[in-house]
Every structure is written in C-alpha cells, then in structure tokens.
PDB file of N, CA and C in Angstrom:
ATOM      1  N   MET A   1     141.378 373.003 242.327  1.00  0.00           N
ATOM      2  CA  MET A   1     140.773 372.642 241.081  1.00  0.00           C
ATOM      3  C   MET A   1     140.203 373.884 240.429  1.00  0.00           C
ATOM      4  N   SER A   2     140.420 374.021 239.157  1.00  0.00           N
ATOM      5  CA  SER A   2     139.846 375.167 238.476  1.00  0.00           C
ATOM      6  C   SER A   2     138.488 374.803 237.918  1.00  0.00           C
ATOM      7  N   ARG A   3     137.643 375.813 237.708  1.00  0.00           N
ATOM      8  CA  ARG A   3     136.296 375.562 237.213  1.00  0.00           C
ATOM      9  C   ARG A   3     135.993 376.504 236.064  1.00  0.00           C
ATOM     10  N   SER A   4     135.266 376.030 235.089  1.00  0.00           N
ATOM     11  CA  SER A   4     134.772 376.890 234.036  1.00  0.00           C
ATOM     12  C   SER A   4     133.390 377.365 234.433  1.00  0.00           C
ATOM     13  N   LEU A   5     132.717 378.079 233.539  1.00  0.00           N
ATOM     14  CA  LEU A   5     131.369 378.535 233.821  1.00  0.00           C
ATOM     15  C   LEU A   5     130.419 377.369 234.040  1.00  0.00           C
ATOM     16  N   LEU A   6     130.719 376.200 233.477  1.00  0.00           N
ATOM     17  CA  LEU A   6     129.861 375.037 233.637  1.00  0.00           C
ATOM     18  C   LEU A   6     130.255 374.195 234.842  1.00  0.00           C
ATOM     19  N   GLY A   7     131.197 374.652 235.644  1.00  0.00           N
ATOM     20  CA  GLY A   7     131.734 373.862 236.740  1.00  0.00           C
ATOM     21  C   GLY A   7     130.729 373.466 237.796  1.00  0.00           C
ATOM     22  N   ALA A   8     129.660 374.191 237.966  1.00  0.00           N
ATOM     23  CA  ALA A   8     128.668 373.861 238.990  1.00  0.00           C
ATOM     24  C   ALA A   8     127.620 372.921 238.400  1.00  0.00           C
ATOM     25  N   LEU A   9     128.046 371.774 237.986  1.00  0.00           N
ATOM     26  CA  LEU A   9     127.182 370.805 237.341  1.00  0.00           C
ATOM     27  C   LEU A   9     126.456 369.987 238.390  1.00  0.00           C
ATOM     28  N   PRO A  10     125.141 370.129 238.492  1.00  0.00           N
ATOM     29  CA  PRO A  10     124.410 369.372 239.519  1.00  0.00           C
ATOM     30  C   PRO A  10     124.488 367.874 239.275  1.00  0.00           C
ATOM     31  N   LEU A  11     124.389 367.115 240.351  1.00  0.00           N
ATOM     32  CA  LEU A  11     124.447 365.663 240.261  1.00  0.00           C
ATOM     33  C   LEU A  11     123.381 365.121 239.326  1.00  0.00           C
ATOM     34  N   CYS A  12     122.174 365.666 239.370  1.00  0.00           N
ATOM     35  CA  CYS A  12     121.102 365.125 238.526  1.00  0.00           C
ATOM     36  C   CYS A  12     121.420 365.299 237.053  1.00  0.00           C
ATOM     37  N   VAL A  13     122.083 366.368 236.654  1.00  0.00           N
ATOM     38  CA  VAL A  13     122.455 366.558 235.260  1.00  0.00           C
ATOM     39  C   VAL A  13     123.572 365.595 234.888  1.00  0.00           C
ATOM     40  N   ALA A  14     124.534 365.416 235.778  1.00  0.00           N
ATOM     41  CA  ALA A  14     125.636 364.504 235.498  1.00  0.00           C
ATOM     42  C   ALA A  14     125.135 363.075 235.341  1.00  0.00           C
ATOM     43  N   VAL A  15     124.239 362.644 236.198  1.00  0.00           N
ATOM     44  CA  VAL A  15     123.696 361.302 236.109  1.00  0.00           C
ATOM     45  C   VAL A  15     122.833 361.185 234.863  1.00  0.00           C
ATOM     46  N   GLY A  16     122.110 362.244 234.512  1.00  0.00           N
ATOM     47  CA  GLY A  16     121.324 362.242 233.283  1.00  0.00           C
ATOM     48  C   GLY A  16     122.206 362.082 232.072  1.00  0.00           C
ATOM     49  N   ALA A  17     123.385 362.677 232.086  1.00  0.00           N
ATOM     50  CA  ALA A  17     124.319 362.520 230.978  1.00  0.00           C
ATOM     51  C   ALA A  17     124.734 361.067 230.848  1.00  0.00           C
ATOM     52  N   LEU A  18     124.904 360.386 231.960  1.00  0.00           N
ATOM     53  CA  LEU A  18     125.245 358.972 231.918  1.00  0.00           C
ATOM     54  C   LEU A  18     124.117 358.184 231.269  1.00  0.00           C
ATOM     55  N   ALA A  19     122.895 358.456 231.647  1.00  0.00           N
ATOM     56  CA  ALA A  19     121.764 357.728 231.083  1.00  0.00           C
ATOM     57  C   ALA A  19     121.669 357.963 229.581  1.00  0.00           C
ATOM     58  N   MET A  20     121.974 359.167 229.122  1.00  0.00           N
ATOM     59  CA  MET A  20     121.900 359.468 227.701  1.00  0.00           C
ATOM     60  C   MET A  20     122.995 358.770 226.916  1.00  0.00           C
ATOM     61  N   THR A  21     124.091 358.421 227.559  1.00  0.00           N
ATOM     62  CA  THR A  21     125.183 357.751 226.861  1.00  0.00           C
ATOM     63  C   THR A  21     125.022 356.241 226.913  1.00  0.00           C
ATOM     64  N   GLY A  22     123.891 355.752 227.394  1.00  0.00           N
ATOM     65  CA  GLY A  22     123.633 354.316 227.390  1.00  0.00           C
ATOM     66  C   GLY A  22     124.096 353.607 228.642  1.00  0.00           C
ATOM     67  N   GLY A  23     124.528 354.339 229.674  1.00  0.00           N
ATOM     68  CA  GLY A  23     124.981 353.713 230.904  1.00  0.00           C
ATOM     69  C   GLY A  23     123.809 353.260 231.743  1.00  0.00           C
ATOM     70  N   ALA A  24     124.111 352.610 232.821  1.00  0.00           N
ATOM     71  CA  ALA A  24     123.091 352.106 233.739  1.00  0.00           C
ATOM     72  C   ALA A  24     122.391 353.264 234.428  1.00  0.00           C
ATOM     73  N   GLN A  25     121.163 353.038 234.827  1.00  0.00           N
ATOM     74  CA  GLN A  25     120.449 354.036 235.612  1.00  0.00           C
ATOM     75  C   GLN A  25     121.079 354.091 236.994  1.00  0.00           C
ATOM     76  N   PRO A  26     121.192 355.282 237.591  1.00  0.00           N
ATOM     77  CA  PRO A  26     121.815 355.401 238.912  1.00  0.00           C
ATOM     78  C   PRO A  26     120.979 354.740 239.990  1.00  0.00           C
ATOM     79  N   GLN A  27     121.672 354.208 240.971  1.00  0.00           N
ATOM     80  CA  GLN A  27     121.012 353.651 242.134  1.00  0.00           C
ATOM     81  C   GLN A  27     120.913 354.765 243.159  1.00  0.00           C
ATOM     82  N   GLU A  28     120.435 354.444 244.355  1.00  0.00           N
ATOM     83  CA  GLU A  28     120.455 355.444 245.411  1.00  0.00           C
ATOM     84  C   GLU A  28     121.883 355.920 245.570  1.00  0.00           C
ATOM     85  N   ARG A  29     122.038 357.143 246.004  1.00  0.00           N
ATOM     86  CA  ARG A  29     123.367 357.709 246.139  1.00  0.00           C
ATOM     87  C   ARG A  29     124.203 356.856 247.083  1.00  0.00           C
ATOM     88  N   ALA A  30     125.316 356.360 246.579  1.00  0.00           N
ATOM     89  CA  ALA A  30     126.216 355.518 247.360  1.00  0.00           C
ATOM     90  C   ALA A  30     127.198 356.384 248.132  1.00  0.00           C
ATOM     91  N   ALA A  31     127.867 355.778 249.065  1.00  0.00           N
ATOM     92  CA  ALA A  31     128.890 356.483 249.824  1.00  0.00           C
ATOM     93  C   ALA A  31     130.046 356.845 248.895  1.00  0.00           C
ATOM     94  N   GLU A  32     130.623 357.984 249.129  1.00  0.00           N
ATOM     95  CA  GLU A  32     131.755 358.420 248.326  1.00  0.00           C
ATOM     96  C   GLU A  32     132.996 357.628 248.720  1.00  0.00           C
ATOM     97  N   VAL A  33     133.871 357.427 247.744  1.00  0.00           N
ATOM     98  CA  VAL A  33     135.129 356.733 247.949  1.00  0.00           C
ATOM     99  C   VAL A  33     136.245 357.736 247.688  1.00  0.00           C
ATOM    100  N   GLY A  34     137.263 357.727 248.526  1.00  0.00           N
ATOM    101  CA  GLY A  34     138.385 358.625 248.323  1.00  0.00           C
ATOM    102  C   GLY A  34     139.240 358.183 247.150  1.00  0.00           C
ATOM    103  N   GLY A  35     139.761 359.137 246.423  1.00  0.00           N
ATOM    104  CA  GLY A  35     140.630 358.834 245.298  1.00  0.00           C
ATOM    105  C   GLY A  35     141.736 359.864 245.186  1.00  0.00           C
ATOM    106  N   THR A  36     142.757 359.527 244.415  1.00  0.00           N
ATOM    107  CA  THR A  36     143.875 360.422 244.167  1.00  0.00           C
ATOM    108  C   THR A  36     144.137 360.476 242.670  1.00  0.00           C
ATOM    109  N   VAL A  37     144.296 361.673 242.131  1.00  0.00           N
ATOM    110  CA  VAL A  37     144.608 361.828 240.714  1.00  0.00           C
ATOM    111  C   VAL A  37     146.041 361.369 240.500  1.00  0.00           C
ATOM    112  N   THR A  38     146.218 360.358 239.638  1.00  0.00           N
ATOM    113  CA  THR A  38     147.544 359.787 239.392  1.00  0.00           C
ATOM    114  C   THR A  38     148.192 360.327 238.129  1.00  0.00           C
ATOM    115  N   ALA A  39     147.445 360.957 237.257  1.00  0.00           N
ATOM    116  CA  ALA A  39     148.020 361.530 236.035  1.00  0.00           C
ATOM    117  C   ALA A  39     148.896 362.705 236.433  1.00  0.00           C
ATOM    118  N   GLY A  40     150.168 362.627 236.112  1.00  0.00           N
ATOM    119  CA  GLY A  40     151.111 363.660 236.525  1.00  0.00           C
ATOM    120  C   GLY A  40     150.717 365.061 236.105  1.00  0.00           C
ATOM    121  N   GLY A  41     150.147 365.185 234.923  1.00  0.00           N
ATOM    122  CA  GLY A  41     149.720 366.488 234.422  1.00  0.00           C
ATOM    123  C   GLY A  41     148.305 366.850 234.829  1.00  0.00           C
ATOM    124  N   GLY A  42     147.699 366.036 235.686  1.00  0.00           N
ATOM    125  CA  GLY A  42     146.323 366.267 236.105  1.00  0.00           C
ATOM    126  C   GLY A  42     145.355 365.612 235.141  1.00  0.00           C
ATOM    127  N   THR A  43     144.082 365.832 235.378  1.00  0.00           N
ATOM    128  CA  THR A  43     143.052 365.249 234.520  1.00  0.00           C
ATOM    129  C   THR A  43     141.937 366.251 234.291  1.00  0.00           C
ATOM    130  N   GLY A  44     141.355 366.174 233.108  1.00  0.00           N
ATOM    131  CA  GLY A  44     140.216 367.023 232.793  1.00  0.00           C
ATOM    132  C   GLY A  44     138.947 366.439 233.378  1.00  0.00           C
ATOM    133  N   LEU A  45     138.119 367.287 233.941  1.00  0.00           N
ATOM    134  CA  LEU A  45     136.819 366.886 234.474  1.00  0.00           C
ATOM    135  C   LEU A  45     135.778 367.274 233.435  1.00  0.00           C
ATOM    136  N   ARG A  46     134.959 366.319 233.024  1.00  0.00           N
ATOM    137  CA  ARG A  46     134.048 366.526 231.894  1.00  0.00           C
ATOM    138  C   ARG A  46     132.587 366.482 232.310  1.00  0.00           C
ATOM    139  N   GLU A  47     131.726 367.083 231.488  1.00  0.00           N
ATOM    140  CA  GLU A  47     130.305 367.125 231.815  1.00  0.00           C
ATOM    141  C   GLU A  47     129.585 365.836 231.472  1.00  0.00           C
ATOM    142  N   ALA A  48     130.233 364.915 230.783  1.00  0.00           N
ATOM    143  CA  ALA A  48     129.667 363.604 230.463  1.00  0.00           C
ATOM    144  C   ALA A  48     130.819 362.604 230.388  1.00  0.00           C
ATOM    145  N   PRO A  49     130.533 361.305 230.545  1.00  0.00           N
ATOM    146  CA  PRO A  49     131.596 360.296 230.510  1.00  0.00           C
ATOM    147  C   PRO A  49     132.033 359.965 229.081  1.00  0.00           C
ATOM    148  N   ASP A  50     132.721 360.922 228.459  1.00  0.00           N
ATOM    149  CA  ASP A  50     133.153 360.769 227.076  1.00  0.00           C
ATOM    150  C   ASP A  50     134.312 361.726 226.822  1.00  0.00           C
ATOM    151  N   ASP A  51     135.330 361.260 226.101  1.00  0.00           N
ATOM    152  CA  ASP A  51     136.486 362.117 225.794  1.00  0.00           C
ATOM    153  C   ASP A  51     136.099 363.359 225.005  1.00  0.00           C
ATOM    154  N   GLY A  52     135.001 363.308 224.269  1.00  0.00           N
ATOM    155  CA  GLY A  52     134.564 364.440 223.476  1.00  0.00           C
ATOM    156  C   GLY A  52     133.682 365.425 224.228  1.00  0.00           C
ATOM    157  N   ALA A  53     133.322 365.111 225.472  1.00  0.00           N
ATOM    158  CA  ALA A  53     132.467 366.005 226.262  1.00  0.00           C
ATOM    159  C   ALA A  53     133.249 367.242 226.696  1.00  0.00           C
ATOM    160  N   ALA A  54     132.523 368.314 226.926  1.00  0.00           N
ATOM    161  CA  ALA A  54     133.143 369.573 227.349  1.00  0.00           C
ATOM    162  C   ALA A  54     133.873 369.411 228.683  1.00  0.00           C
ATOM    163  N   VAL A  55     135.056 370.018 228.760  1.00  0.00           N
ATOM    164  CA  VAL A  55     135.825 370.036 230.002  1.00  0.00           C
ATOM    165  C   VAL A  55     135.263 371.158 230.870  1.00  0.00           C
ATOM    166  N   VAL A  56     134.848 370.805 232.096  1.00  0.00           N
ATOM    167  CA  VAL A  56     134.258 371.783 233.008  1.00  0.00           C
ATOM    168  C   VAL A  56     135.192 372.163 234.143  1.00  0.00           C
ATOM    169  N   GLY A  57     136.344 371.531 234.204  1.00  0.00           N
ATOM    170  CA  GLY A  57     137.324 371.833 235.241  1.00  0.00           C
ATOM    171  C   GLY A  57     138.506 370.893 235.122  1.00  0.00           C
ATOM    172  N   THR A  58     139.447 371.040 236.024  1.00  0.00           N
ATOM    173  CA  THR A  58     140.614 370.166 236.058  1.00  0.00           C
ATOM    174  C   THR A  58     140.923 369.785 237.495  1.00  0.00           C
ATOM    175  N   ALA A  59     141.619 368.672 237.646  1.00  0.00           N
ATOM    176  CA  ALA A  59     142.126 368.250 238.956  1.00  0.00           C
ATOM    177  C   ALA A  59     143.616 367.991 238.780  1.00  0.00           C
ATOM    178  N   ALA A  60     144.434 368.605 239.595  1.00  0.00           N
ATOM    179  CA  ALA A  60     145.881 368.499 239.489  1.00  0.00           C
ATOM    180  C   ALA A  60     146.372 367.110 239.883  1.00  0.00           C
ATOM    181  N   GLY A  61     147.507 366.717 239.332  1.00  0.00           N
ATOM    182  CA  GLY A  61     148.128 365.461 239.721  1.00  0.00           C
ATOM    183  C   GLY A  61     148.383 365.448 241.219  1.00  0.00           C
ATOM    184  N   GLY A  62     148.036 364.347 241.871  1.00  0.00           N
ATOM    185  CA  GLY A  62     148.213 364.221 243.316  1.00  0.00           C
ATOM    186  C   GLY A  62     147.041 364.734 244.137  1.00  0.00           C
ATOM    187  N   ALA A  63     146.088 365.400 243.483  1.00  0.00           N
ATOM    188  CA  ALA A  63     144.927 365.935 244.214  1.00  0.00           C
ATOM    189  C   ALA A  63     144.052 364.804 244.731  1.00  0.00           C
ATOM    190  N   ARG A  64     143.494 365.012 245.923  1.00  0.00           N
ATOM    191  CA  ARG A  64     142.512 364.063 246.471  1.00  0.00           C
ATOM    192  C   ARG A  64     141.158 364.451 245.902  1.00  0.00           C
ATOM    193  N   ILE A  65     140.351 363.427 245.575  1.00  0.00           N
ATOM    194  CA  ILE A  65     139.068 363.677 244.941  1.00  0.00           C
ATOM    195  C   ILE A  65     138.065 362.646 245.452  1.00  0.00           C
ATOM    196  N   ASP A  66     136.817 363.047 245.612  1.00  0.00           N
ATOM    197  CA  ASP A  66     135.761 362.139 246.065  1.00  0.00           C
ATOM    198  C   ASP A  66     135.103 361.492 244.852  1.00  0.00           C
ATOM    199  N   VAL A  67     135.037 360.160 244.851  1.00  0.00           N
ATOM    200  CA  VAL A  67     134.453 359.399 243.751  1.00  0.00           C
ATOM    201  C   VAL A  67     133.107 358.858 244.206  1.00  0.00           C
ATOM    202  N   LEU A  68     132.045 359.141 243.442  1.00  0.00           N
ATOM    203  CA  LEU A  68     130.693 358.720 243.819  1.00  0.00           C
ATOM    204  C   LEU A  68     130.328 357.366 243.237  1.00  0.00           C
ATOM    205  N   CYS A  69     130.666 357.129 241.970  1.00  0.00           N
ATOM    206  CA  CYS A  69     130.314 355.865 241.330  1.00  0.00           C
ATOM    207  C   CYS A  69     131.137 355.688 240.061  1.00  0.00           C
ATOM    208  N   VAL A  70     131.029 354.503 239.469  1.00  0.00           N
ATOM    209  CA  VAL A  70     131.793 354.163 238.277  1.00  0.00           C
ATOM    210  C   VAL A  70     130.839 353.737 237.165  1.00  0.00           C
ATOM    211  N   ALA A  71     131.173 354.097 235.928  1.00  0.00           N
ATOM    212  CA  ALA A  71     130.346 353.729 234.773  1.00  0.00           C
ATOM    213  C   ALA A  71     131.255 353.419 233.590  1.00  0.00           C
ATOM    214  N   GLU A  72     130.747 352.572 232.702  1.00  0.00           N
ATOM    215  CA  GLU A  72     131.470 352.271 231.478  1.00  0.00           C
ATOM    216  C   GLU A  72     130.767 352.980 230.330  1.00  0.00           C
ATOM    217  N   ALA A  73     131.534 353.703 229.525  1.00  0.00           N
ATOM    218  CA  ALA A  73     130.979 354.418 228.373  1.00  0.00           C
ATOM    219  C   ALA A  73     130.711 353.435 227.236  1.00  0.00           C
ATOM    220  N   ASP A  74     129.941 353.883 226.258  1.00  0.00           N
ATOM    221  CA  ASP A  74     129.593 353.040 225.118  1.00  0.00           C
ATOM    222  C   ASP A  74     130.809 352.455 224.417  1.00  0.00           C
ATOM    223  N   HIS A  75     131.879 353.209 224.335  1.00  0.00           N
ATOM    224  CA  HIS A  75     133.073 352.749 223.624  1.00  0.00           C
ATOM    225  C   HIS A  75     134.024 351.945 224.510  1.00  0.00           C
ATOM    226  N   GLY A  76     133.604 351.624 225.739  1.00  0.00           N
ATOM    227  CA  GLY A  76     134.367 350.722 226.598  1.00  0.00           C
ATOM    228  C   GLY A  76     135.269 351.360 227.631  1.00  0.00           C
ATOM    229  N   SER A  77     135.427 352.675 227.616  1.00  0.00           N
ATOM    230  CA  SER A  77     136.276 353.300 228.633  1.00  0.00           C
ATOM    231  C   SER A  77     135.503 353.409 229.951  1.00  0.00           C
ATOM    232  N   THR A  78     136.235 353.463 231.051  1.00  0.00           N
ATOM    233  CA  THR A  78     135.636 353.523 232.382  1.00  0.00           C
ATOM    234  C   THR A  78     135.797 354.933 232.938  1.00  0.00           C
ATOM    235  N   TRP A  79     134.725 355.428 233.556  1.00  0.00           N
ATOM    236  CA  TRP A  79     134.681 356.792 234.079  1.00  0.00           C
ATOM    237  C   TRP A  79     134.167 356.795 235.504  1.00  0.00           C
ATOM    238  N   TYR A  80     134.648 357.769 236.288  1.00  0.00           N
ATOM    239  CA  TYR A  80     134.154 357.994 237.642  1.00  0.00           C
ATOM    240  C   TYR A  80     133.360 359.288 237.672  1.00  0.00           C
ATOM    241  N   LEU A  81     132.211 359.247 238.351  1.00  0.00           N
ATOM    242  CA  LEU A  81     131.489 360.472 238.668  1.00  0.00           C
ATOM    243  C   LEU A  81     132.129 360.986 239.952  1.00  0.00           C
ATOM    244  N   VAL A  82     132.673 362.204 239.919  1.00  0.00           N
ATOM    245  CA  VAL A  82     133.423 362.745 241.049  1.00  0.00           C
ATOM    246  C   VAL A  82     132.796 364.040 241.540  1.00  0.00           C
ATOM    247  N   ARG A  83     133.061 364.328 242.794  1.00  0.00           N
ATOM    248  CA  ARG A  83     132.685 365.626 243.359  1.00  0.00           C
ATOM    249  C   ARG A  83     133.871 366.546 243.094  1.00  0.00           C
ATOM    250  N   ALA A  84     133.664 367.497 242.217  1.00  0.00           N
ATOM    251  CA  ALA A  84     134.741 368.414 241.858  1.00  0.00           C
ATOM    252  C   ALA A  84     135.012 369.413 242.981  1.00  0.00           C
ATOM    253  N   ASP A  85     133.968 369.862 243.645  1.00  0.00           N
ATOM    254  CA  ASP A  85     134.073 370.680 244.851  1.00  0.00           C
ATOM    255  C   ASP A  85     132.737 370.576 245.583  1.00  0.00           C
ATOM    256  N   ALA A  86     132.490 371.428 246.536  1.00  0.00           N
ATOM    257  CA  ALA A  86     131.316 371.284 247.403  1.00  0.00           C
ATOM    258  C   ALA A  86     129.997 371.202 246.641  1.00  0.00           C
ATOM    259  N   ASP A  87     129.877 371.907 245.514  1.00  0.00           N
ATOM    260  CA  ASP A  87     128.600 371.932 244.806  1.00  0.00           C
ATOM    261  C   ASP A  87     128.719 371.579 243.324  1.00  0.00           C
ATOM    262  N   ALA A  88     129.784 370.900 242.939  1.00  0.00           N
ATOM    263  CA  ALA A  88     129.991 370.585 241.528  1.00  0.00           C
ATOM    264  C   ALA A  88     130.366 369.116 241.342  1.00  0.00           C
ATOM    265  N   TYR A  89     129.784 368.500 240.326  1.00  0.00           N
ATOM    266  CA  TYR A  89     130.059 367.110 239.982  1.00  0.00           C
ATOM    267  C   TYR A  89     130.517 367.062 238.533  1.00  0.00           C
ATOM    268  N   ALA A  90     131.364 366.091 238.224  1.00  0.00           N
ATOM    269  CA  ALA A  90     131.867 365.948 236.864  1.00  0.00           C
ATOM    270  C   ALA A  90     132.338 364.513 236.669  1.00  0.00           C
ATOM    271  N   TRP A  91     132.722 364.195 235.451  1.00  0.00           N
ATOM    272  CA  TRP A  91     133.218 362.860 235.110  1.00  0.00           C
ATOM    273  C   TRP A  91     134.715 362.922 234.870  1.00  0.00           C
ATOM    274  N   ALA A  92     135.433 361.905 235.351  1.00  0.00           N
ATOM    275  CA  ALA A  92     136.878 361.814 235.159  1.00  0.00           C
ATOM    276  C   ALA A  92     137.215 360.409 234.676  1.00  0.00           C
ATOM    277  N   PRO A  93     138.184 360.285 233.760  1.00  0.00           N
ATOM    278  CA  PRO A  93     138.568 358.947 233.291  1.00  0.00           C
ATOM    279  C   PRO A  93     139.178 358.141 234.441  1.00  0.00           C
ATOM    280  N   ALA A  94     138.707 356.906 234.605  1.00  0.00           N
ATOM    281  CA  ALA A  94     139.188 356.062 235.704  1.00  0.00           C
ATOM    282  C   ALA A  94     140.685 355.813 235.614  1.00  0.00           C
ATOM    283  N   GLU A  95     141.235 355.814 234.422  1.00  0.00           N
ATOM    284  CA  GLU A  95     142.670 355.560 234.267  1.00  0.00           C
ATOM    285  C   GLU A  95     143.525 356.645 234.918  1.00  0.00           C
ATOM    286  N   ASP A  96     142.932 357.800 235.211  1.00  0.00           N
ATOM    287  CA  ASP A  96     143.676 358.906 235.813  1.00  0.00           C
ATOM    288  C   ASP A  96     143.502 359.007 237.328  1.00  0.00           C
ATOM    289  N   ILE A  97     142.731 358.094 237.924  1.00  0.00           N
ATOM    290  CA  ILE A  97     142.436 358.182 239.357  1.00  0.00           C
ATOM    291  C   ILE A  97     142.611 356.829 240.024  1.00  0.00           C
ATOM    292  N   ARG A  98     143.317 356.823 241.148  1.00  0.00           N
ATOM    293  CA  ARG A  98     143.458 355.615 241.972  1.00  0.00           C
ATOM    294  C   ARG A  98     142.481 355.758 243.128  1.00  0.00           C
ATOM    295  N   VAL A  99     141.604 354.761 243.304  1.00  0.00           N
ATOM    296  CA  VAL A  99     140.634 354.816 244.394  1.00  0.00           C
ATOM    297  C   VAL A  99     141.076 353.900 245.536  1.00  0.00           C
ATOM    298  N   LYS A 100     140.582 354.220 246.722  1.00  0.00           N
ATOM    299  CA  LYS A 100     140.911 353.435 247.903  1.00  0.00           C
ATOM    300  C   LYS A 100     139.981 352.234 248.010  1.00  0.00           C
ATOM    301  N   GLY A 101     140.470 351.164 248.596  1.00  0.00           N
ATOM    302  CA  GLY A 101     139.637 350.002 248.885  1.00  0.00           C
ATOM    303  C   GLY A 101     139.100 349.318 247.658  1.00  0.00           C
ATOM    304  N   ASP A 102     137.861 348.868 247.768  1.00  0.00           N
ATOM    305  CA  ASP A 102     137.221 348.129 246.688  1.00  0.00           C
ATOM    306  C   ASP A 102     136.742 349.030 245.570  1.00  0.00           C
ATOM    307  N   GLY A 103     136.788 350.318 245.751  1.00  0.00           N
ATOM    308  CA  GLY A 103     136.330 351.244 244.727  1.00  0.00           C
ATOM    309  C   GLY A 103     134.856 351.541 244.870  1.00  0.00           C
ATOM    310  N   PRO A 104     134.361 352.404 243.992  1.00  0.00           N
ATOM    311  CA  PRO A 104     132.969 352.844 244.093  1.00  0.00           C
ATOM    312  C   PRO A 104     131.994 351.824 243.492  1.00  0.00           C
ATOM    313  N   ALA A 105     130.741 351.987 243.851  1.00  0.00           N
ATOM    314  CA  ALA A 105     129.661 351.176 243.273  1.00  0.00           C
ATOM    315  C   ALA A 105     129.370 351.667 241.860  1.00  0.00           C
ATOM    316  N   ALA A 106     128.677 350.852 241.098  1.00  0.00           N
ATOM    317  CA  ALA A 106     128.251 351.249 239.756  1.00  0.00           C
ATOM    318  C   ALA A 106     127.215 352.356 239.857  1.00  0.00           C
ATOM    319  N   CYS A 107     127.226 353.252 238.890  1.00  0.00           N
ATOM    320  CA  CYS A 107     126.235 354.339 238.840  1.00  0.00           C
ATOM    321  C   CYS A 107     124.880 353.792 238.464  1.00  0.00           C
TER     322      CYS A 107
END
C-alpha cells in the first residue's frame, strides 16, 4: 500500500472525522475483521468517509486489509474504517472491499 504524507492518520482523528460527518459515535474498539480489496484497480484510502475527502493512500486489488468498523455517510454510502498499515488508519468505500463472516461492528 502506498502512503502520502497524511498516511499516518491516528485512529482518534479518523473516528473524529466520522463524528463530524454525522456518523455514530464510536464504541469501544471492536475486533478487526479481515477483508479483501475487490476493486480490480484498487481503492483509494481517504481521511474521512466521503468521496470528496483527501486520499491518504491506496490499497491494490486483491490486497488483504483489516477492517475495524462500518459507518454510513450522510449521503447514504457505506464506508469501512481500515488499518492501512501498522500505524495508519483510513476510510475505504465498502463497495470495494469484501469482508469475512458477518462483517465489522458499527463505528
């Protein structure tokens, strides 16, 4: 996964971005769920759950990714808060990621 200068986005900032977009307040940190990027061209990882938010990195098609929780944006799209790497978190559109099992808990 590639990272921009903003790639080291702490979890607290990412969750704060969700709260600012009208999403639910985060619960205690839930267990991560495994996921796979299904978009053939990969997916952009964003600093907030919105198509207009800055892209802070990318995940290649077929890449395995850890999904922390799921949220719905104001305009109705669904987003996953993901661990981009060991110390970076970002948002990815749910339509680009297949999760294992029942999926993640709500943020």
